[in-house]
Amino acid sequence: MLTNLTDYWNLFTYLAGYGIGTLLGMQIENMISIGHVIVRLIMPGDPQPVISNLSKLGYGMTRIEGQGSFTNTVNIIFMIVPRTELGRLLGVISKEYPYILYTIEDVRNIKDGARIFYKDPRCKILGFFGL
């Protein structure tokens, strides 16, 4: 608690401790990677090559067509992905499809038993080594 607001060192150390604690908590949450996220891919043109490539990697998705202010037709792909798979997905997107705009948001609840991601069980050993 702040009791002496005229002492700037007390105020500074309180603010520094609060900020460092918040940043440290965010880093720990990212390292633990519990839960799921929604990834939205927004792209102009034909999304079929992206859909087929990501489907082969085990990602399920839903596609919606829309109109954008800069292009006539845009395609929005929604994906619910385990947080542990997010790094792999973003690596594929940024390497192979750098023109795709994506947004990521946390998921609070998800239906029990919903199959949102499928990864071939034969790949567990290779997945451990990042292959």
Protein backbone atom coordinates (compact mmCIF):
# COMPACT_ATOMS: atom_id res chain seq x y z
CA MET A 1 0.00 0.00 0.00
CA LEU A 2 1.12 3.50 -0.65
CA THR A 3 1.16 5.51 2.53
CA ASN A 4 3.74 8.16 1.83
CA LEU A 5 3.06 9.68 -1.60
CA THR A 6 5.55 12.51 -1.07
CA ASP A 7 8.47 10.06 -1.08
CA TYR A 8 9.17 9.47 -4.78
CA TRP A 9 11.37 6.41 -4.16
CA ASN A 10 8.48 4.58 -2.49
CA LEU A 11 6.19 5.49 -5.37
CA PHE A 12 8.79 4.45 -7.96
CA THR A 13 9.52 1.10 -6.32
CA TYR A 14 5.81 0.34 -5.99
CA LEU A 15 5.17 1.09 -9.67
CA ALA A 16 8.27 -0.82 -10.78
CA GLY A 17 7.31 -3.87 -8.72
CA TYR A 18 3.75 -3.80 -10.03
CA GLY A 19 4.93 -3.53 -13.64
CA ILE A 20 7.57 -6.23 -13.33
CA GLY A 21 5.09 -8.56 -11.63
CA THR A 22 2.58 -8.06 -14.43
CA LEU A 23 5.16 -8.72 -17.15
CA LEU A 24 6.51 -11.76 -15.33
CA GLY A 25 2.99 -13.17 -14.95
CA MET A 26 2.33 -12.71 -18.66
CA GLN A 27 5.57 -14.52 -19.55
CA ILE A 28 4.74 -17.43 -17.23
CA GLU A 29 1.27 -17.71 -18.76
CA ASN A 30 2.77 -17.86 -22.26
CA MET A 31 5.30 -20.51 -21.19
CA ILE A 32 2.66 -22.74 -19.57
CA SER A 33 0.44 -22.60 -22.70
CA ILE A 34 -2.77 -23.88 -21.12
CA GLY A 35 -6.03 -23.59 -23.02
CA HIS A 36 -7.07 -22.64 -26.53
CA VAL A 37 -7.04 -19.57 -28.76
CA ILE A 38 -9.12 -18.43 -31.72
CA VAL A 39 -7.06 -17.59 -34.77
CA ARG A 40 -8.69 -15.56 -37.54
CA LEU A 41 -6.99 -15.54 -40.92
CA ILE A 42 -8.15 -12.75 -43.24
CA MET A 43 -7.05 -13.06 -46.84
CA PRO A 44 -7.97 -11.81 -50.28
CA GLY A 45 -8.35 -14.24 -53.14
CA ASP A 46 -8.66 -18.01 -53.18
CA PRO A 47 -8.11 -19.56 -49.74
CA GLN A 48 -8.12 -23.18 -50.96
CA PRO A 49 -4.31 -23.66 -51.01
CA VAL A 50 -4.07 -22.37 -47.44
CA ILE A 51 -7.00 -24.50 -46.29
CA SER A 52 -5.59 -27.69 -47.82
CA ASN A 53 -2.10 -27.09 -46.44
CA LEU A 54 -3.31 -26.34 -42.89
CA SER A 55 -5.73 -29.29 -43.03
CA LYS A 56 -2.82 -31.62 -43.80
CA LEU A 57 -1.11 -30.31 -40.65
CA GLY A 58 -4.16 -31.24 -38.57
CA TYR A 59 -5.91 -27.90 -38.14
CA GLY A 60 -9.70 -27.69 -38.39
CA MET A 61 -11.21 -24.51 -39.73
CA THR A 62 -14.35 -22.69 -40.78
CA ARG A 63 -14.40 -20.38 -43.80
CA ILE A 64 -16.59 -17.30 -44.27
CA GLU A 65 -16.66 -15.05 -47.33
CA GLY A 66 -16.99 -11.31 -46.93
CA GLN A 67 -16.28 -7.96 -48.48
CA GLY A 68 -13.50 -5.64 -47.47
CA SER A 69 -13.02 -1.93 -47.95
CA PHE A 70 -9.73 -2.38 -49.85
CA THR A 71 -10.63 -5.53 -51.83
CA ASN A 72 -13.91 -6.79 -53.24
CA THR A 73 -13.82 -10.27 -51.72
CA VAL A 74 -12.06 -11.44 -48.58
CA ASN A 75 -12.10 -14.84 -46.93
CA ILE A 76 -12.06 -15.22 -43.18
CA ILE A 77 -10.91 -18.52 -41.73
CA PHE A 78 -11.67 -19.24 -38.08
CA MET A 79 -9.59 -21.78 -36.21
CA ILE A 80 -9.66 -22.89 -32.57
CA VAL A 81 -6.16 -24.06 -31.77
CA PRO A 82 -4.55 -25.41 -28.60
CA ARG A 83 -2.20 -22.77 -27.24
CA THR A 84 0.65 -25.31 -27.45
CA GLU A 85 0.21 -25.44 -31.25
CA LEU A 86 0.06 -21.67 -31.78
CA GLY A 87 3.79 -21.24 -32.35
CA ARG A 88 3.84 -23.92 -35.03
CA LEU A 89 0.80 -22.44 -36.78
CA LEU A 90 2.22 -18.91 -36.77
CA GLY A 91 5.53 -20.24 -38.08
CA VAL A 92 3.79 -21.86 -41.05
CA ILE A 93 1.66 -18.79 -41.74
CA SER A 94 4.51 -16.28 -41.55
CA LYS A 95 6.86 -18.45 -43.63
CA GLU A 96 4.53 -19.67 -46.37
CA TYR A 97 1.79 -17.01 -46.40
CA PRO A 98 3.26 -13.65 -45.29
CA TYR A 99 0.41 -11.72 -46.96
CA ILE A 100 -2.25 -13.14 -44.61
CA LEU A 101 -3.55 -10.89 -41.84
CA TYR A 102 -4.22 -12.81 -38.62
CA THR A 103 -5.68 -12.03 -35.23
CA ILE A 104 -5.51 -14.15 -32.08
CA GLU A 105 -7.81 -14.11 -29.09
CA ASP A 106 -8.19 -16.22 -25.94
CA VAL A 107 -11.02 -18.74 -25.54
CA ARG A 108 -12.74 -18.85 -22.15
CA ASN A 109 -14.84 -22.00 -22.51
CA ILE A 110 -15.11 -24.74 -25.07
CA LYS A 111 -17.59 -27.59 -25.38
CA ASP A 112 -16.42 -30.77 -23.68
CA GLY A 113 -15.32 -33.40 -26.17
CA ALA A 114 -15.25 -31.02 -29.15
CA ARG A 115 -12.73 -32.13 -31.74
CA ILE A 116 -11.03 -28.94 -32.80
CA PHE A 117 -7.57 -30.17 -33.63
CA TYR A 118 -6.33 -33.46 -34.94
CA LYS A 119 -2.70 -34.44 -35.07
CA ASP A 120 -1.56 -37.80 -36.32
CA PRO A 121 -0.50 -39.85 -33.27
CA ARG A 122 2.38 -41.35 -35.27
CA CYS A 123 4.03 -37.90 -35.29
CA LYS A 124 4.43 -37.62 -31.50
CA ILE A 125 8.06 -38.75 -31.50
CA LEU A 126 8.99 -36.52 -34.43
CA GLY A 127 6.96 -33.66 -32.93
CA PHE A 128 9.10 -33.86 -29.81
CA PHE A 129 12.13 -33.03 -31.93
CA GLY A 130 10.29 -30.24 -33.82
CA LEU A 131 9.94 -32.21 -37.07
